[in-house]
Each structure stands twice: as C-alpha cells, then as structure tokens.
PDB file of N, CA and C in Angstrom:
ATOM      1  N   UNK A   1      -1.323 -53.213 118.411  1.00  0.00           N
ATOM      2  CA  UNK A   1      -1.888 -54.097 117.431  1.00  0.00           C
ATOM      3  C   UNK A   1      -2.257 -53.313 116.172  1.00  0.00           C
ATOM      4  N   UNK A   2      -2.903 -52.153 116.349  1.00  0.00           N
ATOM      5  CA  UNK A   2      -3.329 -51.381 115.183  1.00  0.00           C
ATOM      6  C   UNK A   2      -2.140 -50.780 114.432  1.00  0.00           C
ATOM      7  N   UNK A   3      -1.120 -50.383 115.171  1.00  0.00           N
ATOM      8  CA  UNK A   3       0.089 -49.874 114.521  1.00  0.00           C
ATOM      9  C   UNK A   3       0.697 -50.969 113.660  1.00  0.00           C
ATOM     10  N   UNK A   4       0.737 -52.190 114.176  1.00  0.00           N
ATOM     11  CA  UNK A   4       1.298 -53.300 113.406  1.00  0.00           C
ATOM     12  C   UNK A   4       0.470 -53.595 112.159  1.00  0.00           C
ATOM     13  N   UNK A   5      -0.858 -53.559 112.282  1.00  0.00           N
ATOM     14  CA  UNK A   5      -1.709 -53.802 111.121  1.00  0.00           C
ATOM     15  C   UNK A   5      -1.506 -52.731 110.047  1.00  0.00           C
ATOM     16  N   UNK A   6      -1.446 -51.476 110.483  1.00  0.00           N
ATOM     17  CA  UNK A   6      -1.236 -50.385 109.526  1.00  0.00           C
ATOM     18  C   UNK A   6       0.163 -50.439 108.918  1.00  0.00           C
ATOM     19  N   UNK A   7       1.168 -50.738 109.732  1.00  0.00           N
ATOM     20  CA  UNK A   7       2.540 -50.856 109.226  1.00  0.00           C
ATOM     21  C   UNK A   7       2.621 -51.947 108.165  1.00  0.00           C
ATOM     22  N   UNK A   8       1.966 -53.062 108.427  1.00  0.00           N
ATOM     23  CA  UNK A   8       1.941 -54.167 107.484  1.00  0.00           C
ATOM     24  C   UNK A   8       1.259 -53.758 106.180  1.00  0.00           C
ATOM     25  N   UNK A   9       0.140 -53.058 106.287  1.00  0.00           N
ATOM     26  CA  UNK A   9      -0.578 -52.600 105.094  1.00  0.00           C
ATOM     27  C   UNK A   9       0.301 -51.662 104.276  1.00  0.00           C
ATOM     28  N   UNK A  10       1.027 -50.787 104.944  1.00  0.00           N
ATOM     29  CA  UNK A  10       1.909 -49.841 104.245  1.00  0.00           C
ATOM     30  C   UNK A  10       3.039 -50.582 103.535  1.00  0.00           C
ATOM     31  N   UNK A  11       3.640 -51.567 104.209  1.00  0.00           N
ATOM     32  CA  UNK A  11       4.761 -52.305 103.626  1.00  0.00           C
ATOM     33  C   UNK A  11       4.371 -53.045 102.352  1.00  0.00           C
ATOM     34  N   UNK A  12       3.163 -53.626 102.345  1.00  0.00           N
ATOM     35  CA  UNK A  12       2.798 -54.545 101.275  1.00  0.00           C
ATOM     36  C   UNK A  12       1.790 -53.987 100.276  1.00  0.00           C
ATOM     37  N   UNK A  13       1.464 -52.708 100.385  1.00  0.00           N
ATOM     38  CA  UNK A  13       0.585 -52.080  99.406  1.00  0.00           C
ATOM     39  C   UNK A  13       1.449 -51.241  98.468  1.00  0.00           C
ATOM     40  N   UNK A  14       1.377 -51.515  97.179  1.00  0.00           N
ATOM     41  CA  UNK A  14       2.221 -50.780  96.246  1.00  0.00           C
ATOM     42  C   UNK A  14       1.823 -49.313  96.137  1.00  0.00           C
ATOM     43  N   UNK A  15       2.747 -48.491  95.681  1.00  0.00           N
ATOM     44  CA  UNK A  15       2.494 -47.061  95.460  1.00  0.00           C
ATOM     45  C   UNK A  15       1.244 -46.922  94.588  1.00  0.00           C
ATOM     46  N   UNK A  16       0.360 -46.021  94.996  1.00  0.00           N
ATOM     47  CA  UNK A  16      -0.893 -45.833  94.280  1.00  0.00           C
ATOM     48  C   UNK A  16      -2.001 -46.730  94.791  1.00  0.00           C
ATOM     49  N   UNK A  17      -1.672 -47.641  95.724  1.00  0.00           N
ATOM     50  CA  UNK A  17      -2.676 -48.531  96.298  1.00  0.00           C
ATOM     51  C   UNK A  17      -3.536 -47.796  97.313  1.00  0.00           C
ATOM     52  N   UNK A  18      -4.413 -48.516  97.965  1.00  0.00           N
ATOM     53  CA  UNK A  18      -5.364 -47.917  98.896  1.00  0.00           C
ATOM     54  C   UNK A  18      -5.310 -48.643 100.241  1.00  0.00           C
ATOM     55  N   UNK A  19      -5.280 -47.861 101.332  1.00  0.00           N
ATOM     56  CA  UNK A  19      -5.338 -48.394 102.696  1.00  0.00           C
ATOM     57  C   UNK A  19      -6.457 -47.660 103.416  1.00  0.00           C
ATOM     58  N   UNK A  20      -7.365 -48.412 104.035  1.00  0.00           N
ATOM     59  CA  UNK A  20      -8.496 -47.827 104.755  1.00  0.00           C
ATOM     60  C   UNK A  20      -8.475 -48.341 106.191  1.00  0.00           C
ATOM     61  N   UNK A  21      -8.555 -47.418 107.154  1.00  0.00           N
ATOM     62  CA  UNK A  21      -8.665 -47.736 108.579  1.00  0.00           C
ATOM     63  C   UNK A  21     -10.041 -47.236 109.004  1.00  0.00           C
ATOM     64  N   UNK A  22     -10.941 -48.136 109.408  1.00  0.00           N
ATOM     65  CA  UNK A  22     -12.323 -47.782 109.677  1.00  0.00           C
ATOM     66  C   UNK A  22     -12.729 -48.265 111.064  1.00  0.00           C
ATOM     67  N   UNK A  23     -13.383 -47.388 111.825  1.00  0.00           N
ATOM     68  CA  UNK A  23     -13.882 -47.747 113.159  1.00  0.00           C
ATOM     69  C   UNK A  23     -15.382 -47.510 113.182  1.00  0.00           C
ATOM     70  N   UNK A  24     -16.144 -48.541 113.565  1.00  0.00           N
ATOM     71  CA  UNK A  24     -17.600 -48.442 113.689  1.00  0.00           C
ATOM     72  C   UNK A  24     -18.025 -49.171 114.959  1.00  0.00           C
ATOM     73  N   UNK A  25     -19.298 -49.127 115.252  1.00  0.00           N
ATOM     74  CA  UNK A  25     -19.847 -49.921 116.360  1.00  0.00           C
ATOM     75  C   UNK A  25     -20.929 -50.830 115.811  1.00  0.00           C
ATOM     76  N   UNK A  26     -21.069 -51.966 116.447  1.00  0.00           N
ATOM     77  CA  UNK A  26     -22.084 -52.944 116.068  1.00  0.00           C
ATOM     78  C   UNK A  26     -22.530 -53.634 117.346  1.00  0.00           C
ATOM     79  N   UNK A  27     -23.802 -53.439 117.694  1.00  0.00           N
ATOM     80  CA  UNK A  27     -24.258 -53.973 118.974  1.00  0.00           C
ATOM     81  C   UNK A  27     -23.462 -53.318 120.086  1.00  0.00           C
ATOM     82  N   UNK A  28     -22.873 -54.084 120.945  1.00  0.00           N
ATOM     83  CA  UNK A  28     -22.047 -53.555 122.025  1.00  0.00           C
ATOM     84  C   UNK A  28     -20.560 -53.661 121.745  1.00  0.00           C
ATOM     85  N   UNK A  29     -20.191 -53.796 120.476  1.00  0.00           N
ATOM     86  CA  UNK A  29     -18.786 -53.976 120.113  1.00  0.00           C
ATOM     87  C   UNK A  29     -18.266 -52.812 119.277  1.00  0.00           C
ATOM     88  N   UNK A  30     -16.986 -52.530 119.438  1.00  0.00           N
ATOM     89  CA  UNK A  30     -16.283 -51.619 118.530  1.00  0.00           C
ATOM     90  C   UNK A  30     -15.673 -52.501 117.443  1.00  0.00           C
ATOM     91  N   UNK A  31     -15.866 -52.118 116.193  1.00  0.00           N
ATOM     92  CA  UNK A  31     -15.361 -52.882 115.058  1.00  0.00           C
ATOM     93  C   UNK A  31     -14.299 -52.040 114.356  1.00  0.00           C
ATOM     94  N   UNK A  32     -13.090 -52.571 114.281  1.00  0.00           N
ATOM     95  CA  UNK A  32     -11.988 -51.875 113.616  1.00  0.00           C
ATOM     96  C   UNK A  32     -11.589 -52.718 112.410  1.00  0.00           C
ATOM     97  N   UNK A  33     -11.575 -52.085 111.241  1.00  0.00           N
ATOM     98  CA  UNK A  33     -11.192 -52.792 110.012  1.00  0.00           C
ATOM     99  C   UNK A  33     -10.014 -52.078 109.348  1.00  0.00           C
ATOM    100  N   UNK A  34      -9.034 -52.860 108.964  1.00  0.00           N
ATOM    101  CA  UNK A  34      -7.921 -52.358 108.161  1.00  0.00           C
ATOM    102  C   UNK A  34      -8.021 -53.101 106.830  1.00  0.00           C
ATOM    103  N   UNK A  35      -8.144 -52.336 105.768  1.00  0.00           N
ATOM    104  CA  UNK A  35      -8.298 -52.905 104.430  1.00  0.00           C
ATOM    105  C   UNK A  35      -7.231 -52.310 103.520  1.00  0.00           C
ATOM    106  N   UNK A  36      -6.668 -53.150 102.656  1.00  0.00           N
ATOM    107  CA  UNK A  36      -5.675 -52.628 101.721  1.00  0.00           C
ATOM    108  C   UNK A  36      -5.779 -53.320 100.378  1.00  0.00           C
ATOM    109  N   UNK A  37      -5.121 -52.749  99.404  1.00  0.00           N
ATOM    110  CA  UNK A  37      -5.067 -53.336  98.068  1.00  0.00           C
ATOM    111  C   UNK A  37      -3.685 -53.932  97.812  1.00  0.00           C
ATOM    112  N   UNK A  38      -3.064 -54.399  98.894  1.00  0.00           N
ATOM    113  CA  UNK A  38      -1.723 -54.971  98.798  1.00  0.00           C
ATOM    114  C   UNK A  38      -1.707 -56.352  98.187  1.00  0.00           C
ATOM    115  N   UNK A  39      -0.583 -57.037  98.327  1.00  0.00           N
ATOM    116  CA  UNK A  39      -0.367 -58.316  97.656  1.00  0.00           C
ATOM    117  C   UNK A  39      -1.248 -59.435  98.192  1.00  0.00           C
ATOM    118  N   UNK A  40      -1.767 -59.313  99.406  1.00  0.00           N
ATOM    119  CA  UNK A  40      -2.665 -60.337  99.945  1.00  0.00           C
ATOM    120  C   UNK A  40      -1.963 -61.651 100.216  1.00  0.00           C
ATOM    121  N   UNK A  41      -2.770 -62.690 100.410  1.00  0.00           N
ATOM    122  CA  UNK A  41      -2.247 -64.011 100.740  1.00  0.00           C
ATOM    123  C   UNK A  41      -2.955 -65.060  99.903  1.00  0.00           C
ATOM    124  N   UNK A  42      -2.239 -66.100  99.563  1.00  0.00           N
ATOM    125  CA  UNK A  42      -2.848 -67.204  98.818  1.00  0.00           C
ATOM    126  C   UNK A  42      -3.638 -68.090  99.775  1.00  0.00           C
ATOM    127  N   UNK A  43      -4.509 -68.906  99.223  1.00  0.00           N
ATOM    128  CA  UNK A  43      -5.319 -69.823 100.029  1.00  0.00           C
ATOM    129  C   UNK A  43      -4.443 -70.811 100.810  1.00  0.00           C
ATOM    130  N   UNK A  44      -3.266 -71.145 100.266  1.00  0.00           N
ATOM    131  CA  UNK A  44      -2.376 -72.104 100.935  1.00  0.00           C
ATOM    132  C   UNK A  44      -1.758 -71.524 102.206  1.00  0.00           C
ATOM    133  N   UNK A  45      -1.527 -70.212 102.234  1.00  0.00           N
ATOM    134  CA  UNK A  45      -0.881 -69.576 103.380  1.00  0.00           C
ATOM    135  C   UNK A  45      -1.907 -69.165 104.439  1.00  0.00           C
ATOM    136  N   UNK A  46      -3.141 -68.918 104.049  1.00  0.00           N
ATOM    137  CA  UNK A  46      -4.169 -68.410 104.960  1.00  0.00           C
ATOM    138  C   UNK A  46      -4.327 -69.217 106.253  1.00  0.00           C
ATOM    139  N   UNK A  47      -4.309 -70.546 106.242  1.00  0.00           N
ATOM    140  CA  UNK A  47      -4.437 -71.289 107.506  1.00  0.00           C
ATOM    141  C   UNK A  47      -3.294 -71.035 108.494  1.00  0.00           C
ATOM    142  N   UNK A  48      -2.180 -70.502 108.009  1.00  0.00           N
ATOM    143  CA  UNK A  48      -1.013 -70.253 108.860  1.00  0.00           C
ATOM    144  C   UNK A  48      -0.890 -68.778 109.240  1.00  0.00           C
ATOM    145  N   UNK A  49      -1.959 -67.986 109.075  1.00  0.00           N
ATOM    146  CA  UNK A  49      -1.895 -66.529 109.234  1.00  0.00           C
ATOM    147  C   UNK A  49      -1.299 -66.092 110.575  1.00  0.00           C
ATOM    148  N   UNK A  50      -1.535 -66.842 111.652  1.00  0.00           N
ATOM    149  CA  UNK A  50      -1.024 -66.430 112.959  1.00  0.00           C
ATOM    150  C   UNK A  50       0.237 -67.172 113.375  1.00  0.00           C
ATOM    151  N   UNK A  51       0.803 -67.993 112.489  1.00  0.00           N
ATOM    152  CA  UNK A  51       2.078 -68.642 112.780  1.00  0.00           C
ATOM    153  C   UNK A  51       3.187 -67.622 112.571  1.00  0.00           C
ATOM    154  N   UNK A  52       4.037 -67.456 113.572  1.00  0.00           N
ATOM    155  CA  UNK A  52       5.129 -66.492 113.445  1.00  0.00           C
ATOM    156  C   UNK A  52       6.066 -66.872 112.301  1.00  0.00           C
ATOM    157  N   UNK A  53       6.574 -65.865 111.646  1.00  0.00           N
ATOM    158  CA  UNK A  53       7.573 -65.991 110.586  1.00  0.00           C
ATOM    159  C   UNK A  53       7.063 -66.736 109.351  1.00  0.00           C
ATOM    160  N   UNK A  54       5.746 -66.784 109.180  1.00  0.00           N
ATOM    161  CA  UNK A  54       5.173 -67.362 107.969  1.00  0.00           C
ATOM    162  C   UNK A  54       4.829 -66.224 107.028  1.00  0.00           C
ATOM    163  N   UNK A  55       5.374 -66.244 105.827  1.00  0.00           N
ATOM    164  CA  UNK A  55       5.097 -65.207 104.844  1.00  0.00           C
ATOM    165  C   UNK A  55       4.795 -65.828 103.503  1.00  0.00           C
ATOM    166  N   UNK A  56       3.976 -65.130 102.753  1.00  0.00           N
ATOM    167  CA  UNK A  56       3.715 -65.494 101.365  1.00  0.00           C
ATOM    168  C   UNK A  56       5.045 -65.339 100.625  1.00  0.00           C
ATOM    169  N   UNK A  57       5.511 -66.355  99.903  1.00  0.00           N
ATOM    170  CA  UNK A  57       6.803 -66.231  99.217  1.00  0.00           C
ATOM    171  C   UNK A  57       6.897 -64.990  98.329  1.00  0.00           C
ATOM    172  N   UNK A  58       5.840 -64.637  97.619  1.00  0.00           N
ATOM    173  CA  UNK A  58       5.884 -63.475  96.723  1.00  0.00           C
ATOM    174  C   UNK A  58       6.011 -62.166  97.483  1.00  0.00           C
ATOM    175  N   UNK A  59       5.597 -62.123  98.767  1.00  0.00           N
ATOM    176  CA  UNK A  59       5.633 -60.876  99.532  1.00  0.00           C
ATOM    177  C   UNK A  59       7.013 -60.557 100.077  1.00  0.00           C
ATOM    178  N   UNK A  60       7.900 -61.509 100.101  1.00  0.00           N
ATOM    179  CA  UNK A  60       9.239 -61.276 100.672  1.00  0.00           C
ATOM    180  C   UNK A  60      10.017 -60.206  99.915  1.00  0.00           C
ATOM    181  N   UNK A  61       9.705 -60.007  98.664  1.00  0.00           N
ATOM    182  CA  UNK A  61      10.407 -58.993  97.875  1.00  0.00           C
ATOM    183  C   UNK A  61       9.950 -57.580  98.209  1.00  0.00           C
ATOM    184  N   UNK A  62       8.790 -57.436  98.864  1.00  0.00           N
ATOM    185  CA  UNK A  62       8.242 -56.112  99.147  1.00  0.00           C
ATOM    186  C   UNK A  62       8.837 -55.471 100.390  1.00  0.00           C
ATOM    187  N   UNK A  63       9.134 -56.247 101.418  1.00  0.00           N
ATOM    188  CA  UNK A  63       9.672 -55.681 102.653  1.00  0.00           C
ATOM    189  C   UNK A  63      10.424 -56.754 103.421  1.00  0.00           C
ATOM    190  N   UNK A  64      11.458 -56.333 104.103  1.00  0.00           N
ATOM    191  CA  UNK A  64      12.225 -57.260 104.931  1.00  0.00           C
ATOM    192  C   UNK A  64      11.852 -57.053 106.386  1.00  0.00           C
ATOM    193  N   UNK A  65      11.965 -58.086 107.176  1.00  0.00           N
ATOM    194  CA  UNK A  65      11.697 -57.984 108.601  1.00  0.00           C
ATOM    195  C   UNK A  65      10.239 -58.209 108.914  1.00  0.00           C
ATOM    196  N   UNK A  66       9.871 -57.913 110.144  1.00  0.00           N
ATOM    197  CA  UNK A  66       8.493 -58.121 110.580  1.00  0.00           C
ATOM    198  C   UNK A  66       8.297 -59.546 111.040  1.00  0.00           C
ATOM    199  N   UNK A  67       7.099 -59.820 111.536  1.00  0.00           N
ATOM    200  CA  UNK A  67       6.816 -61.161 112.039  1.00  0.00           C
ATOM    201  C   UNK A  67       6.070 -62.005 111.027  1.00  0.00           C
ATOM    202  N   UNK A  68       5.790 -61.441 109.860  1.00  0.00           N
ATOM    203  CA  UNK A  68       5.228 -62.255 108.800  1.00  0.00           C
ATOM    204  C   UNK A  68       3.721 -62.337 108.791  1.00  0.00           C
ATOM    205  N   UNK A  69       3.015 -61.508 109.563  1.00  0.00           N
ATOM    206  CA  UNK A  69       1.559 -61.512 109.476  1.00  0.00           C
ATOM    207  C   UNK A  69       1.157 -60.684 108.275  1.00  0.00           C
ATOM    208  N   UNK A  70       0.347 -61.246 107.426  1.00  0.00           N
ATOM    209  CA  UNK A  70      -0.094 -60.522 106.240  1.00  0.00           C
ATOM    210  C   UNK A  70      -1.591 -60.337 106.261  1.00  0.00           C
ATOM    211  N   UNK A  71      -2.058 -59.273 105.664  1.00  0.00           N
ATOM    212  CA  UNK A  71      -3.492 -59.074 105.540  1.00  0.00           C
ATOM    213  C   UNK A  71      -4.006 -59.850 104.343  1.00  0.00           C
ATOM    214  N   UNK A  72      -5.195 -60.375 104.490  1.00  0.00           N
ATOM    215  CA  UNK A  72      -5.835 -61.064 103.386  1.00  0.00           C
ATOM    216  C   UNK A  72      -6.573 -60.068 102.512  1.00  0.00           C
ATOM    217  N   UNK A  73      -6.441 -58.849 102.736  1.00  0.00           N
ATOM    218  CA  UNK A  73      -7.002 -57.622 102.117  1.00  0.00           C
ATOM    219  C   UNK A  73      -7.866 -56.896 103.115  1.00  0.00           C
ATOM    220  N   UNK A  74      -8.596 -57.606 104.002  1.00  0.00           N
ATOM    221  CA  UNK A  74      -9.336 -56.952 105.080  1.00  0.00           C
ATOM    222  C   UNK A  74      -9.058 -57.722 106.369  1.00  0.00           C
ATOM    223  N   UNK A  75      -8.681 -56.993 107.410  1.00  0.00           N
ATOM    224  CA  UNK A  75      -8.474 -57.609 108.722  1.00  0.00           C
ATOM    225  C   UNK A  75      -9.422 -56.905 109.678  1.00  0.00           C
ATOM    226  N   UNK A  76     -10.268 -57.662 110.384  1.00  0.00           N
ATOM    227  CA  UNK A  76     -11.284 -57.095 111.271  1.00  0.00           C
ATOM    228  C   UNK A  76     -10.990 -57.470 112.715  1.00  0.00           C
ATOM    229  N   UNK A  77     -11.045 -56.470 113.600  1.00  0.00           N
ATOM    230  CA  UNK A  77     -10.867 -56.683 115.034  1.00  0.00           C
ATOM    231  C   UNK A  77     -12.164 -56.254 115.711  1.00  0.00           C
ATOM    232  N   UNK A  78     -12.726 -57.125 116.529  1.00  0.00           N
ATOM    233  CA  UNK A  78     -13.965 -56.838 117.259  1.00  0.00           C
ATOM    234  C   UNK A  78     -13.628 -56.755 118.745  1.00  0.00           C
ATOM    235  N   UNK A  79     -13.930 -55.600 119.354  1.00  0.00           N
ATOM    236  CA  UNK A  79     -13.624 -55.377 120.770  1.00  0.00           C
ATOM    237  C   UNK A  79     -14.897 -55.044 121.533  1.00  0.00           C
ATOM    238  N   UNK A  80     -15.166 -55.721 122.641  1.00  0.00           N
ATOM    239  CA  UNK A  80     -16.370 -55.400 123.419  1.00  0.00           C
ATOM    240  C   UNK A  80     -16.232 -54.025 124.083  1.00  0.00           C
ATOM    241  N   UNK A  81     -17.314 -53.272 124.060  1.00  0.00           N
ATOM    242  CA  UNK A  81     -17.337 -51.955 124.729  1.00  0.00           C
ATOM    243  C   UNK A  81     -18.067 -52.118 126.050  1.00  0.00           C
ATOM    244  N   UNK A  82     -17.631 -51.349 127.032  1.00  0.00           N
ATOM    245  CA  UNK A  82     -18.283 -51.353 128.349  1.00  0.00           C
ATOM    246  C   UNK A  82     -18.839 -49.963 128.612  1.00  0.00           C
ATOM    247  N   UNK A  83     -20.022 -49.922 129.148  1.00  0.00           N
ATOM    248  CA  UNK A  83     -20.633 -48.633 129.471  1.00  0.00           C
ATOM    249  C   UNK A  83     -19.912 -48.029 130.667  1.00  0.00           C
ATOM    250  N   UNK A  84     -19.741 -46.714 130.623  1.00  0.00           N
ATOM    251  CA  UNK A  84     -19.124 -46.010 131.741  1.00  0.00           C
ATOM    252  C   UNK A  84     -20.049 -46.062 132.950  1.00  0.00           C
ATOM    253  N   UNK A  85     -19.481 -46.248 134.109  1.00  0.00           N
ATOM    254  CA  UNK A  85     -20.294 -46.259 135.336  1.00  0.00           C
ATOM    255  C   UNK A  85     -20.223 -44.909 136.011  1.00  0.00           C
ATOM    256  N   UNK A  86     -21.314 -44.513 136.598  1.00  0.00           N
ATOM    257  CA  UNK A  86     -21.385 -43.248 137.319  1.00  0.00           C
ATOM    258  C   UNK A  86     -20.931 -43.461 138.762  1.00  0.00           C
ATOM    259  N   UNK A  87     -20.105 -42.566 139.307  1.00  0.00           N
ATOM    260  CA  UNK A  87     -19.644 -42.716 140.695  1.00  0.00           C
ATOM    261  C   UNK A  87     -20.761 -42.477 141.690  1.00  0.00           C
TER     262      UNK A  87
END
C-alpha cells in the first residue's frame, strides 16, 4: 500500500515538487501520511477516489498506467498498534 502511495506521488509530482512520507503515533495508532505537491484532484473526482480506473482528466498527461488512485495532496493511513506480549 505504501509503495503504491509513494509511486503515485512520484508520478504526479512535477520536478522540483515536494513529497513527504511521515510516520507518527497518536493514542494507540500508527499514523502514516504521504503528502505531495502534485496535481491533486478536483472536487468532482474526490467522491470517486477509490473507484478503480478513475483519474483526473488533467493527470492523464503526467503518467500512463496505474489504477487511477490519486492523492488529494495528503493521504493518511491510520493503523492500530498492538502491545507486544511477554511469553
């Protein structure tokens, strides 16, 4: 999942742009954020973000292929952490 998010950020962020991969904790969760200064998505496309093969028309010129998931500039993944148990 993270490789795909980073690959997407690389494809759609122009030369000289910025990509940030950040990992923090909050409460009992690991928080992973991928942020970029790429082309982003319009408000019309945002509701379809997880529909396969949906792409912002303007982004098609930047890269071919992929499943069409685009970052809205920041994508956040929250994963629950479990404490290690002692044997």
